[in-house]
Amino acid sequence: MRNAFRTAVTGAVTTAALLAGGTVAQATPAGPGVTAKLISQTTIGDTDYTVREITIPPGQATGWHYHDGPLYGIVKEGTLSHFDSSCASDGVYRKGSTIQEPAGAGNVHIGRNLGKTPLVLDVLYVLPHGSPFSEDAPNPGCPFE
């Protein structure tokens, strides 16, 4: 099951990259020290499909946020520690692992790099046209950022 999901995510990321023609740009998301490289982007109907490579340095995090549409990712390097709004870990994802994040304000989360090497993720965002990549959210009361 896990291999089937990984194959589906990898296929979706590749398809989105091919549809968009491989446009490249640089961007910086809200989290300190976190960088993002736009790999490709296209719009079909009312939906934006965007592939980005996210890099999180050791000891850094994405900041608390949620998304207006689902995300599908694969860990290329390092380890992602993912936490939900209850402050509980809802997953630890190592190189080769896939992750899916559901849409909506009820799905506030943070991604952290608790390791000693950079964390690199390839992420496919499936968002309503014109939506931001993420919506900032306040810390829900967790003892970490």
N, C-alpha and C. Protein backbone atom coordinates (compact mmCIF):
# COMPACT_ATOMS: atom_id res chain seq x y z
N MET A 1 0.82 -1.20 0.00
CA MET A 1 0.00 0.00 0.00
C MET A 1 0.86 1.25 0.00
N ARG A 2 1.89 1.25 0.85
CA ARG A 2 2.77 2.40 0.95
C ARG A 2 3.50 2.63 -0.37
N ASN A 3 3.97 1.54 -1.03
CA ASN A 3 4.65 1.68 -2.31
C ASN A 3 3.71 2.21 -3.38
N ALA A 4 2.45 1.79 -3.35
CA ALA A 4 1.47 2.29 -4.31
C ALA A 4 1.25 3.79 -4.12
N PHE A 5 1.17 4.24 -2.87
CA PHE A 5 0.99 5.67 -2.61
C PHE A 5 2.22 6.45 -3.06
N ARG A 6 3.41 5.93 -2.76
CA ARG A 6 4.66 6.59 -3.16
C ARG A 6 4.70 6.72 -4.68
N THR A 7 4.33 5.66 -5.38
CA THR A 7 4.32 5.68 -6.84
C THR A 7 3.32 6.72 -7.35
N ALA A 8 2.14 6.78 -6.73
CA ALA A 8 1.13 7.76 -7.14
C ALA A 8 1.60 9.18 -6.92
N VAL A 9 2.23 9.46 -5.77
CA VAL A 9 2.73 10.81 -5.48
C VAL A 9 3.83 11.18 -6.46
N THR A 10 4.77 10.27 -6.67
CA THR A 10 5.87 10.55 -7.60
C THR A 10 5.31 10.81 -9.00
N GLY A 11 4.33 10.02 -9.41
CA GLY A 11 3.71 10.22 -10.72
C GLY A 11 3.00 11.56 -10.82
N ALA A 12 2.29 11.93 -9.76
CA ALA A 12 1.56 13.21 -9.76
C ALA A 12 2.53 14.39 -9.83
N VAL A 13 3.63 14.30 -9.06
CA VAL A 13 4.64 15.38 -9.08
C VAL A 13 5.25 15.47 -10.47
N THR A 14 5.60 14.34 -11.06
CA THR A 14 6.20 14.33 -12.40
C THR A 14 5.23 14.87 -13.43
N THR A 15 3.97 14.45 -13.36
CA THR A 15 2.96 14.91 -14.32
C THR A 15 2.77 16.42 -14.22
N ALA A 16 2.69 16.94 -12.99
CA ALA A 16 2.53 18.39 -12.82
C ALA A 16 3.73 19.13 -13.39
N ALA A 17 4.92 18.59 -13.20
CA ALA A 17 6.13 19.23 -13.73
C ALA A 17 6.10 19.25 -15.26
N LEU A 18 5.67 18.15 -15.87
CA LEU A 18 5.61 18.09 -17.32
C LEU A 18 4.54 19.00 -17.89
N LEU A 19 3.38 19.06 -17.23
CA LEU A 19 2.29 19.94 -17.69
C LEU A 19 2.71 21.40 -17.68
N ALA A 20 3.52 21.77 -16.71
CA ALA A 20 3.90 23.18 -16.57
C ALA A 20 5.11 23.55 -17.39
N GLY A 21 5.80 22.60 -17.93
CA GLY A 21 6.94 22.91 -18.77
C GLY A 21 8.19 23.26 -17.99
N GLY A 22 8.24 22.99 -16.70
CA GLY A 22 9.47 23.16 -15.93
C GLY A 22 9.87 24.59 -15.64
N THR A 23 8.94 25.49 -15.43
CA THR A 23 9.26 26.85 -15.06
C THR A 23 10.04 26.87 -13.75
N VAL A 24 11.10 27.67 -13.65
CA VAL A 24 11.93 27.70 -12.45
C VAL A 24 11.96 29.11 -11.88
N ALA A 25 11.84 29.22 -10.55
CA ALA A 25 11.92 30.50 -9.86
C ALA A 25 12.30 30.24 -8.41
N GLN A 26 12.58 31.29 -7.66
CA GLN A 26 12.92 31.17 -6.25
C GLN A 26 11.84 31.85 -5.42
N ALA A 27 11.59 31.30 -4.24
CA ALA A 27 10.63 31.90 -3.32
C ALA A 27 11.05 31.54 -1.90
N THR A 28 10.59 32.29 -0.93
CA THR A 28 10.89 32.00 0.47
C THR A 28 9.59 31.95 1.26
N PRO A 29 9.24 30.78 1.80
CA PRO A 29 8.03 30.70 2.62
C PRO A 29 8.22 31.38 3.98
N ALA A 30 7.17 31.39 4.78
CA ALA A 30 7.15 32.14 6.03
C ALA A 30 8.16 31.67 7.07
N GLY A 31 8.46 30.38 7.14
CA GLY A 31 9.33 29.86 8.19
C GLY A 31 10.76 30.37 8.08
N PRO A 32 11.41 30.64 9.23
CA PRO A 32 12.78 31.15 9.22
C PRO A 32 13.76 30.12 8.69
N GLY A 33 14.61 30.53 7.75
CA GLY A 33 15.62 29.64 7.21
C GLY A 33 15.11 28.64 6.20
N VAL A 34 13.81 28.61 5.96
CA VAL A 34 13.23 27.66 5.02
C VAL A 34 13.23 28.31 3.63
N THR A 35 13.66 27.55 2.62
CA THR A 35 13.64 28.07 1.25
C THR A 35 12.80 27.15 0.38
N ALA A 36 12.34 27.70 -0.72
CA ALA A 36 11.55 26.93 -1.66
C ALA A 36 11.95 27.32 -3.07
N LYS A 37 12.07 26.31 -3.93
CA LYS A 37 12.36 26.54 -5.34
C LYS A 37 11.15 26.05 -6.12
N LEU A 38 10.60 26.93 -6.93
CA LEU A 38 9.48 26.55 -7.78
C LEU A 38 10.00 25.70 -8.92
N ILE A 39 9.48 24.48 -9.02
CA ILE A 39 9.90 23.57 -10.08
C ILE A 39 8.97 23.71 -11.27
N SER A 40 7.66 23.71 -11.02
CA SER A 40 6.71 23.88 -12.11
C SER A 40 5.36 24.32 -11.57
N GLN A 41 4.57 24.92 -12.47
CA GLN A 41 3.26 25.41 -12.06
C GLN A 41 2.36 25.48 -13.28
N THR A 42 1.12 25.03 -13.11
CA THR A 42 0.14 25.14 -14.18
C THR A 42 -1.25 25.26 -13.55
N THR A 43 -2.18 25.78 -14.32
CA THR A 43 -3.57 25.88 -13.88
C THR A 43 -4.43 25.12 -14.88
N ILE A 44 -5.29 24.27 -14.34
CA ILE A 44 -6.26 23.55 -15.16
C ILE A 44 -7.62 23.82 -14.53
N GLY A 45 -8.48 24.49 -15.30
CA GLY A 45 -9.78 24.88 -14.76
C GLY A 45 -9.58 25.85 -13.62
N ASP A 46 -10.17 25.54 -12.47
CA ASP A 46 -10.06 26.41 -11.30
C ASP A 46 -9.03 25.91 -10.29
N THR A 47 -8.10 25.05 -10.73
CA THR A 47 -7.13 24.45 -9.82
C THR A 47 -5.71 24.74 -10.27
N ASP A 48 -4.88 25.20 -9.32
CA ASP A 48 -3.45 25.40 -9.55
C ASP A 48 -2.69 24.16 -9.09
N TYR A 49 -1.81 23.66 -9.94
CA TYR A 49 -0.94 22.53 -9.62
C TYR A 49 0.48 23.07 -9.60
N THR A 50 1.12 23.00 -8.45
CA THR A 50 2.45 23.57 -8.29
C THR A 50 3.37 22.56 -7.62
N VAL A 51 4.55 22.40 -8.19
CA VAL A 51 5.57 21.55 -7.59
C VAL A 51 6.70 22.45 -7.10
N ARG A 52 7.05 22.29 -5.82
CA ARG A 52 8.14 23.06 -5.22
C ARG A 52 9.09 22.12 -4.49
N GLU A 53 10.36 22.50 -4.48
CA GLU A 53 11.34 21.81 -3.65
C GLU A 53 11.56 22.68 -2.41
N ILE A 54 11.23 22.14 -1.26
CA ILE A 54 11.33 22.85 0.02
C ILE A 54 12.57 22.34 0.75
N THR A 55 13.40 23.26 1.25
CA THR A 55 14.57 22.90 2.04
C THR A 55 14.45 23.54 3.41
N ILE A 56 14.59 22.70 4.44
CA ILE A 56 14.50 23.16 5.83
C ILE A 56 15.84 22.83 6.50
N PRO A 57 16.58 23.85 6.93
CA PRO A 57 17.87 23.60 7.58
C PRO A 57 17.69 22.89 8.93
N PRO A 58 18.74 22.24 9.42
CA PRO A 58 18.67 21.60 10.74
C PRO A 58 18.21 22.60 11.80
N GLY A 59 17.30 22.14 12.66
CA GLY A 59 16.81 22.98 13.76
C GLY A 59 15.74 23.98 13.37
N GLN A 60 15.32 24.01 12.11
CA GLN A 60 14.33 24.98 11.65
C GLN A 60 12.98 24.30 11.40
N ALA A 61 11.97 25.11 11.13
CA ALA A 61 10.62 24.60 10.92
C ALA A 61 9.87 25.47 9.91
N THR A 62 8.74 24.95 9.46
CA THR A 62 7.91 25.67 8.48
C THR A 62 7.10 26.80 9.10
N GLY A 63 6.90 26.75 10.40
CA GLY A 63 5.94 27.63 11.04
C GLY A 63 4.57 26.96 10.99
N TRP A 64 3.69 27.33 11.91
CA TRP A 64 2.34 26.76 11.96
C TRP A 64 1.54 27.29 10.79
N HIS A 65 0.84 26.39 10.10
CA HIS A 65 0.09 26.78 8.91
C HIS A 65 -0.90 25.68 8.53
N TYR A 66 -1.70 26.00 7.52
CA TYR A 66 -2.58 25.02 6.87
C TYR A 66 -2.65 25.39 5.40
N HIS A 67 -3.30 24.56 4.61
CA HIS A 67 -3.38 24.77 3.16
C HIS A 67 -4.85 24.75 2.72
N ASP A 68 -5.14 25.50 1.65
CA ASP A 68 -6.50 25.57 1.10
C ASP A 68 -6.82 24.38 0.19
N GLY A 69 -5.84 23.56 -0.09
CA GLY A 69 -6.03 22.35 -0.90
C GLY A 69 -5.06 21.29 -0.41
N PRO A 70 -5.21 20.06 -0.87
CA PRO A 70 -4.32 18.99 -0.40
C PRO A 70 -2.90 19.12 -0.96
N LEU A 71 -1.96 18.56 -0.22
CA LEU A 71 -0.56 18.50 -0.64
C LEU A 71 -0.11 17.05 -0.65
N TYR A 72 0.83 16.77 -1.54
CA TYR A 72 1.42 15.44 -1.65
C TYR A 72 2.92 15.65 -1.75
N GLY A 73 3.68 14.98 -0.91
CA GLY A 73 5.12 15.20 -0.91
C GLY A 73 5.92 13.93 -0.78
N ILE A 74 7.20 14.06 -1.10
CA ILE A 74 8.15 12.98 -0.92
C ILE A 74 9.42 13.57 -0.33
N VAL A 75 9.99 12.88 0.65
CA VAL A 75 11.22 13.32 1.30
C VAL A 75 12.40 12.88 0.45
N LYS A 76 13.15 13.85 -0.07
CA LYS A 76 14.32 13.55 -0.89
C LYS A 76 15.57 13.35 -0.04
N GLU A 77 15.70 14.12 1.03
CA GLU A 77 16.87 14.06 1.92
C GLU A 77 16.42 14.41 3.33
N GLY A 78 17.08 13.84 4.32
CA GLY A 78 16.81 14.19 5.71
C GLY A 78 15.56 13.52 6.26
N THR A 79 15.07 14.08 7.37
CA THR A 79 13.89 13.53 8.06
C THR A 79 12.95 14.66 8.44
N LEU A 80 11.67 14.51 8.08
CA LEU A 80 10.62 15.47 8.43
C LEU A 80 9.91 14.97 9.68
N SER A 81 9.86 15.81 10.70
CA SER A 81 9.04 15.54 11.89
C SER A 81 7.81 16.43 11.77
N HIS A 82 6.63 15.83 11.72
CA HIS A 82 5.38 16.53 11.43
C HIS A 82 4.50 16.51 12.68
N PHE A 83 3.94 17.65 13.05
CA PHE A 83 3.14 17.78 14.27
C PHE A 83 1.81 18.42 13.94
N ASP A 84 0.75 17.95 14.59
CA ASP A 84 -0.57 18.54 14.41
C ASP A 84 -0.89 19.53 15.53
N SER A 85 -2.08 20.09 15.50
CA SER A 85 -2.43 21.16 16.44
C SER A 85 -2.62 20.68 17.88
N SER A 86 -2.58 19.37 18.11
CA SER A 86 -2.63 18.87 19.49
C SER A 86 -1.22 18.79 20.09
N CYS A 87 -0.23 19.22 19.32
CA CYS A 87 1.19 19.20 19.69
C CYS A 87 1.78 17.80 19.59
N ALA A 88 1.01 16.83 19.12
CA ALA A 88 1.48 15.46 18.99
C ALA A 88 2.13 15.26 17.62
N SER A 89 3.14 14.41 17.60
CA SER A 89 3.73 14.02 16.33
C SER A 89 2.71 13.17 15.58
N ASP A 90 2.44 13.55 14.34
CA ASP A 90 1.55 12.73 13.53
C ASP A 90 2.32 12.05 12.40
N GLY A 91 3.65 12.03 12.54
CA GLY A 91 4.47 11.30 11.58
C GLY A 91 5.91 11.74 11.57
N VAL A 92 6.79 10.77 11.34
CA VAL A 92 8.21 11.03 11.11
C VAL A 92 8.51 10.39 9.76
N TYR A 93 8.98 11.22 8.82
CA TYR A 93 9.14 10.80 7.44
C TYR A 93 10.61 10.89 7.04
N ARG A 94 11.18 9.75 6.70
CA ARG A 94 12.59 9.69 6.31
C ARG A 94 12.72 9.69 4.78
N LYS A 95 13.94 9.78 4.30
CA LYS A 95 14.21 9.78 2.86
C LYS A 95 13.43 8.67 2.16
N GLY A 96 12.72 9.05 1.10
CA GLY A 96 11.92 8.10 0.33
C GLY A 96 10.48 7.99 0.80
N SER A 97 10.17 8.54 1.97
CA SER A 97 8.80 8.49 2.49
C SER A 97 7.92 9.51 1.78
N THR A 98 6.62 9.20 1.73
CA THR A 98 5.66 10.13 1.18
C THR A 98 4.77 10.67 2.29
N ILE A 99 4.23 11.85 2.05
CA ILE A 99 3.33 12.47 3.02
C ILE A 99 2.18 13.11 2.26
N GLN A 100 1.01 13.07 2.85
CA GLN A 100 -0.16 13.75 2.31
C GLN A 100 -0.71 14.65 3.42
N GLU A 101 -0.99 15.90 3.07
CA GLU A 101 -1.59 16.83 4.04
C GLU A 101 -2.97 17.24 3.53
N PRO A 102 -4.01 17.03 4.34
CA PRO A 102 -5.35 17.42 3.91
C PRO A 102 -5.55 18.94 3.98
N ALA A 103 -6.56 19.41 3.28
CA ALA A 103 -6.85 20.84 3.20
C ALA A 103 -7.68 21.31 4.38
N GLY A 104 -7.60 22.63 4.63
CA GLY A 104 -8.52 23.29 5.54
C GLY A 104 -7.93 23.77 6.85
N ALA A 105 -8.60 24.78 7.41
CA ALA A 105 -8.16 25.41 8.66
C ALA A 105 -8.20 24.44 9.84
N GLY A 106 -8.92 23.34 9.72
CA GLY A 106 -8.96 22.34 10.77
C GLY A 106 -7.76 21.41 10.75
N ASN A 107 -6.83 21.65 9.83
CA ASN A 107 -5.65 20.81 9.69
C ASN A 107 -4.36 21.61 9.87
N VAL A 108 -4.30 22.39 10.93
CA VAL A 108 -3.11 23.19 11.25
C VAL A 108 -1.98 22.24 11.64
N HIS A 109 -0.79 22.52 11.14
CA HIS A 109 0.36 21.66 11.40
C HIS A 109 1.66 22.44 11.25
N ILE A 110 2.75 21.77 11.62
CA ILE A 110 4.08 22.32 11.46
C ILE A 110 5.01 21.18 11.05
N GLY A 111 5.94 21.49 10.16
CA GLY A 111 6.98 20.54 9.77
C GLY A 111 8.29 21.02 10.37
N ARG A 112 8.99 20.10 11.03
CA ARG A 112 10.25 20.47 11.70
C ARG A 112 11.38 19.56 11.24
N ASN A 113 12.57 20.14 11.18
CA ASN A 113 13.78 19.37 10.91
C ASN A 113 14.53 19.26 12.23
N LEU A 114 14.39 18.14 12.90
CA LEU A 114 15.05 17.91 14.18
C LEU A 114 16.39 17.20 14.00
N GLY A 115 16.78 16.96 12.74
CA GLY A 115 18.02 16.27 12.44
C GLY A 115 19.21 17.19 12.32
N LYS A 116 20.31 16.63 11.87
CA LYS A 116 21.57 17.37 11.74
C LYS A 116 21.92 17.70 10.29
N THR A 117 21.07 17.29 9.36
CA THR A 117 21.30 17.57 7.94
C THR A 117 20.08 18.27 7.37
N PRO A 118 20.23 18.99 6.25
CA PRO A 118 19.08 19.65 5.64
C PRO A 118 18.00 18.65 5.25
N LEU A 119 16.76 19.07 5.39
CA LEU A 119 15.59 18.31 4.97
C LEU A 119 15.16 18.87 3.61
N VAL A 120 15.02 18.00 2.63
CA VAL A 120 14.60 18.42 1.29
C VAL A 120 13.35 17.63 0.92
N LEU A 121 12.29 18.36 0.55
CA LEU A 121 11.01 17.77 0.18
C LEU A 121 10.62 18.23 -1.22
N ASP A 122 10.06 17.34 -2.02
CA ASP A 122 9.38 17.75 -3.24
C ASP A 122 7.89 17.68 -2.93
N VAL A 123 7.19 18.79 -3.17
CA VAL A 123 5.80 18.90 -2.78
C VAL A 123 4.93 19.32 -3.96
N LEU A 124 3.82 18.60 -4.15
CA LEU A 124 2.80 18.98 -5.13
C LEU A 124 1.65 19.62 -4.37
N TYR A 125 1.37 20.89 -4.68
CA TYR A 125 0.25 21.63 -4.10
C TYR A 125 -0.89 21.56 -5.10
N VAL A 126 -2.08 21.18 -4.64
CA VAL A 126 -3.28 21.15 -5.48
C VAL A 126 -4.25 22.13 -4.82
N LEU A 127 -4.25 23.37 -5.34
CA LEU A 127 -4.93 24.47 -4.65
C LEU A 127 -5.98 25.14 -5.53
N PRO A 128 -7.01 25.70 -4.90
CA PRO A 128 -7.93 26.53 -5.67
C PRO A 128 -7.14 27.66 -6.35
N HIS A 129 -7.51 27.98 -7.59
CA HIS A 129 -6.76 28.99 -8.35
C HIS A 129 -6.58 30.28 -7.55
N GLY A 130 -5.34 30.72 -7.49
CA GLY A 130 -5.01 31.98 -6.83
C GLY A 130 -4.75 31.87 -5.33
N SER A 131 -4.91 30.69 -4.76
CA SER A 131 -4.68 30.53 -3.31
C SER A 131 -3.18 30.60 -2.99
N PRO A 132 -2.83 31.08 -1.80
CA PRO A 132 -1.43 31.05 -1.38
C PRO A 132 -1.00 29.61 -1.11
N PHE A 133 0.31 29.37 -1.10
CA PHE A 133 0.82 28.02 -0.82
C PHE A 133 0.42 27.57 0.59
N SER A 134 0.38 28.50 1.52
CA SER A 134 -0.04 28.16 2.89
C SER A 134 -0.68 29.38 3.53
N GLU A 135 -1.46 29.10 4.57
CA GLU A 135 -2.09 30.14 5.37
C GLU A 135 -1.46 30.08 6.75
N ASP A 136 -0.89 31.19 7.21
CA ASP A 136 -0.28 31.22 8.55
C ASP A 136 -1.33 30.95 9.61
N ALA A 137 -0.90 30.27 10.67
CA ALA A 137 -1.78 29.98 11.80
C ALA A 137 -1.00 30.23 13.08
N PRO A 138 -1.67 30.65 14.15
CA PRO A 138 -0.96 30.85 15.41
C PRO A 138 -0.55 29.51 16.02
N ASN A 139 0.50 29.55 16.81
CA ASN A 139 0.91 28.36 17.58
C ASN A 139 -0.30 27.96 18.44
N PRO A 140 -0.76 26.71 18.33
CA PRO A 140 -1.94 26.29 19.08
C PRO A 140 -1.68 26.02 20.57
N GLY A 141 -0.53 26.47 21.07
CA GLY A 141 -0.21 26.28 22.48
C GLY A 141 0.87 25.24 22.72
N CYS A 142 1.58 24.88 21.67
CA CYS A 142 2.65 23.88 21.80
C CYS A 142 3.92 24.54 22.34
N PRO A 143 4.76 23.79 23.07
CA PRO A 143 5.98 24.35 23.65
C PRO A 143 7.12 24.50 22.64
N PHE A 144 6.80 24.43 21.35
CA PHE A 144 7.81 24.58 20.30
C PHE A 144 7.20 25.35 19.14
N GLU A 145 8.06 25.91 18.33
CA GLU A 145 7.64 26.62 17.11
C GLU A 145 8.08 25.83 15.91
